[in-house]
Amino acid sequence: MTTAFLISHGKRYEGFNPLHTKDGREQLARLTIPSGVTRVVAGSGRRFQEIADAIRRKLPIASDVPFETSPFCGSCDGIRFGKNPGEGDMIVLSEGEVPVEKYLGLVGTPGFDPWAFVNGLGNGALLCGGGELLLALGYSGVPPKGALFGLDALTKEITLLQQG
């Protein structure tokens, strides 16, 4: 059984590869890093690297916890929501936008097993990710931003542990 953790990015700006807003940085600052973290894996987008930086500042100075990057935790793309929920939503890429329904991300992509990814990271892994990974793992509803989740790879359960 693998028990891992995930910190979702906080409030962010819109557009390609967005950073956190002041409110988003404050959300991350309020989170408590769980004890027993064995590695930190952050998405490749700047907002996920900001989460990793916030974690670095909270770990003991002599910590030997490795920090790694994986696009499976989140990438550089952003989302621009349409005027009505679920209508006209666009994925923002460096070279333009594509409709959400034409974007093959982590959710529903054949061959990608997000729980196998989490399990392979081992106990104590702390992922710096976002809503797309949470949805791929089976989270129902709109994932809260700036939150800490527990991930149980055996039961495939996601538990909200703390809201920032």
Protein backbone atom coordinates (compact mmCIF):
# COMPACT_ATOMS: atom_id res chain seq x y z
CA MET A 1 0.00 0.00 0.00
CA THR A 2 1.22 3.48 -0.84
CA THR A 3 0.16 6.52 1.08
CA ALA A 4 1.11 9.74 -0.63
CA PHE A 5 0.11 13.37 -0.41
CA LEU A 6 -0.84 16.00 -2.95
CA ILE A 7 -0.84 19.77 -2.61
CA SER A 8 -3.04 21.43 -5.21
CA HIS A 9 -2.00 24.78 -6.59
CA GLY A 10 -3.64 27.83 -5.10
CA LYS A 11 -5.47 30.65 -6.82
CA ARG A 12 -3.59 31.59 -9.96
CA TYR A 13 -3.59 34.02 -12.81
CA GLU A 14 -5.07 32.98 -16.16
CA GLY A 15 -3.18 32.29 -19.36
CA PHE A 16 -0.28 30.09 -20.35
CA ASN A 17 1.95 28.80 -17.53
CA PRO A 18 0.39 31.05 -14.87
CA LEU A 19 1.89 31.89 -11.51
CA HIS A 20 0.02 32.10 -8.19
CA THR A 21 -1.74 35.29 -7.19
CA LYS A 22 -0.96 36.84 -3.81
CA ASP A 23 -3.99 34.97 -2.42
CA GLY A 24 -2.69 31.72 -3.94
CA ARG A 25 0.75 32.14 -2.32
CA GLU A 26 -0.98 32.82 1.01
CA GLN A 27 -3.06 29.64 0.63
CA LEU A 28 0.14 27.61 0.19
CA ALA A 29 1.82 29.32 3.15
CA ARG A 30 -1.04 28.22 5.45
CA LEU A 31 -0.60 24.51 4.64
CA THR A 32 1.26 22.20 6.99
CA ILE A 33 3.74 19.81 5.40
CA PRO A 34 2.99 16.25 6.59
CA SER A 35 5.68 14.41 8.52
CA GLY A 36 7.38 11.50 6.81
CA VAL A 37 7.72 13.07 3.34
CA THR A 38 10.22 10.94 1.40
CA ARG A 39 10.29 12.86 -1.91
CA VAL A 40 8.64 15.83 -3.55
CA VAL A 41 7.44 15.57 -7.16
CA ALA A 42 6.23 18.78 -8.79
CA GLY A 43 4.55 19.37 -12.11
CA SER A 44 6.52 21.15 -14.83
CA GLY A 45 4.44 24.34 -14.80
CA ARG A 46 5.61 27.40 -12.88
CA ARG A 47 2.71 27.23 -10.39
CA PHE A 48 3.75 23.69 -9.40
CA GLN A 49 7.37 24.75 -8.99
CA GLU A 50 6.11 27.55 -6.71
CA ILE A 51 4.50 24.88 -4.52
CA ALA A 52 7.83 23.00 -4.38
CA ASP A 53 9.61 26.23 -3.41
CA ALA A 54 7.08 26.80 -0.59
CA ILE A 55 7.73 23.23 0.65
CA ARG A 56 11.51 23.76 0.53
CA ARG A 57 11.13 26.76 2.83
CA LYS A 58 9.15 24.66 5.34
CA LEU A 59 11.45 21.62 5.47
CA PRO A 60 14.34 21.47 7.95
CA ILE A 61 17.54 22.96 6.52
CA ALA A 62 19.38 19.61 6.72
CA SER A 63 16.59 17.78 4.91
CA ASP A 64 17.75 15.30 2.27
CA VAL A 65 14.30 14.95 0.68
CA PRO A 66 14.79 14.80 -3.11
CA PHE A 67 12.85 17.20 -5.35
CA GLU A 68 11.84 15.96 -8.80
CA THR A 69 9.70 17.16 -11.72
CA SER A 70 7.01 15.24 -13.63
CA PRO A 71 4.47 16.47 -16.19
CA PHE A 72 2.05 13.91 -14.71
CA CYS A 73 1.63 16.24 -11.71
CA GLY A 74 0.76 19.18 -13.94
CA SER A 75 2.10 21.01 -16.95
CA CYS A 76 2.46 24.55 -18.28
CA ASP A 77 -0.95 24.80 -19.87
CA GLY A 78 -3.74 26.82 -18.35
CA ILE A 79 -7.50 26.94 -18.76
CA ARG A 80 -9.78 29.75 -19.83
CA PHE A 81 -13.36 29.08 -18.80
CA GLY A 82 -16.28 29.91 -21.06
CA LYS A 83 -19.13 32.20 -20.05
CA ASN A 84 -21.32 29.25 -18.99
CA PRO A 85 -20.03 26.27 -16.96
CA GLY A 86 -18.74 23.56 -19.29
CA GLU A 87 -19.36 25.60 -22.44
CA GLY A 88 -16.53 27.12 -24.41
CA ASP A 89 -13.74 26.14 -22.01
CA MET A 90 -10.32 26.38 -23.68
CA ILE A 91 -6.90 24.95 -22.83
CA VAL A 92 -4.29 27.72 -23.12
CA LEU A 93 -1.05 26.54 -24.71
CA SER A 94 2.09 28.48 -25.67
CA GLU A 95 1.00 28.48 -29.32
CA GLY A 96 -2.67 29.28 -28.80
CA GLU A 97 -5.81 27.64 -27.45
CA VAL A 98 -7.66 24.39 -28.07
CA PRO A 99 -11.15 23.39 -26.90
CA VAL A 100 -11.12 21.26 -23.75
CA GLU A 101 -12.86 18.40 -25.58
CA LYS A 102 -9.96 18.20 -28.09
CA TYR A 103 -7.24 18.11 -25.44
CA LEU A 104 -5.78 14.77 -24.35
CA GLY A 105 -4.62 15.47 -20.84
CA LEU A 106 -4.41 13.15 -17.86
CA VAL A 107 -8.18 12.62 -17.61
CA GLY A 108 -9.41 9.83 -19.84
CA THR A 109 -6.17 9.30 -21.74
CA PRO A 110 -5.86 5.62 -22.70
CA GLY A 111 -2.87 3.92 -21.11
CA PHE A 112 -2.31 6.41 -18.30
CA ASP A 113 -3.02 4.95 -14.87
CA PRO A 114 -2.69 7.78 -12.34
CA TRP A 115 -2.91 5.42 -9.35
CA ALA A 116 -0.03 3.31 -10.74
CA PHE A 117 1.96 6.55 -11.04
CA VAL A 118 1.25 7.43 -7.37
CA ASN A 119 1.96 3.86 -6.22
CA GLY A 120 5.28 3.85 -8.08
CA LEU A 121 6.47 6.90 -6.17
CA GLY A 122 6.35 5.02 -2.87
CA ASN A 123 5.14 5.88 0.61
CA GLY A 124 5.52 9.46 1.72
CA ALA A 125 5.70 11.02 -1.73
CA LEU A 126 4.37 14.58 -1.82
CA LEU A 127 3.03 15.63 -5.20
CA CYS A 128 2.70 19.28 -6.20
CA GLY A 129 -0.14 19.18 -8.67
CA GLY A 130 -3.51 20.46 -9.64
CA GLY A 131 -7.07 19.67 -10.44
CA GLU A 132 -6.31 17.65 -13.56
CA LEU A 133 -4.37 15.02 -11.60
CA LEU A 134 -7.01 14.94 -8.86
CA LEU A 135 -9.75 14.42 -11.47
CA ALA A 136 -7.70 11.70 -13.18
CA LEU A 137 -7.42 9.96 -9.79
CA GLY A 138 -11.22 10.04 -9.48
CA TYR A 139 -11.88 13.11 -7.35
CA SER A 140 -15.51 14.08 -7.79
CA GLY A 141 -16.54 17.70 -8.00
CA VAL A 142 -14.38 20.76 -8.36
CA PRO A 143 -11.07 20.22 -6.53
CA PRO A 144 -10.32 22.95 -4.00
CA LYS A 145 -7.30 25.13 -4.70
CA GLY A 146 -4.46 25.45 -2.22
CA ALA A 147 -5.27 22.25 -0.36
CA LEU A 148 -3.48 19.19 1.03
CA PHE A 149 -4.86 15.75 0.17
CA GLY A 150 -4.02 12.23 1.34
CA LEU A 151 -3.82 9.59 -1.41
CA ASP A 152 -4.27 5.91 -0.56
CA ALA A 153 -3.15 3.87 -3.58
CA LEU A 154 -4.52 0.61 -2.15
CA THR A 155 -8.10 1.78 -1.68
CA LYS A 156 -7.84 4.56 -4.29
CA GLU A 157 -9.22 7.02 -1.79
CA ILE A 158 -8.57 10.75 -1.81
CA THR A 159 -8.97 12.58 1.49
CA LEU A 160 -8.98 16.36 1.91
CA LEU A 161 -6.63 16.88 4.87
CA GLN A 162 -6.28 20.65 4.98
CA GLN A 163 -7.57 23.69 3.11
CA GLY A 164 -5.11 26.60 2.80
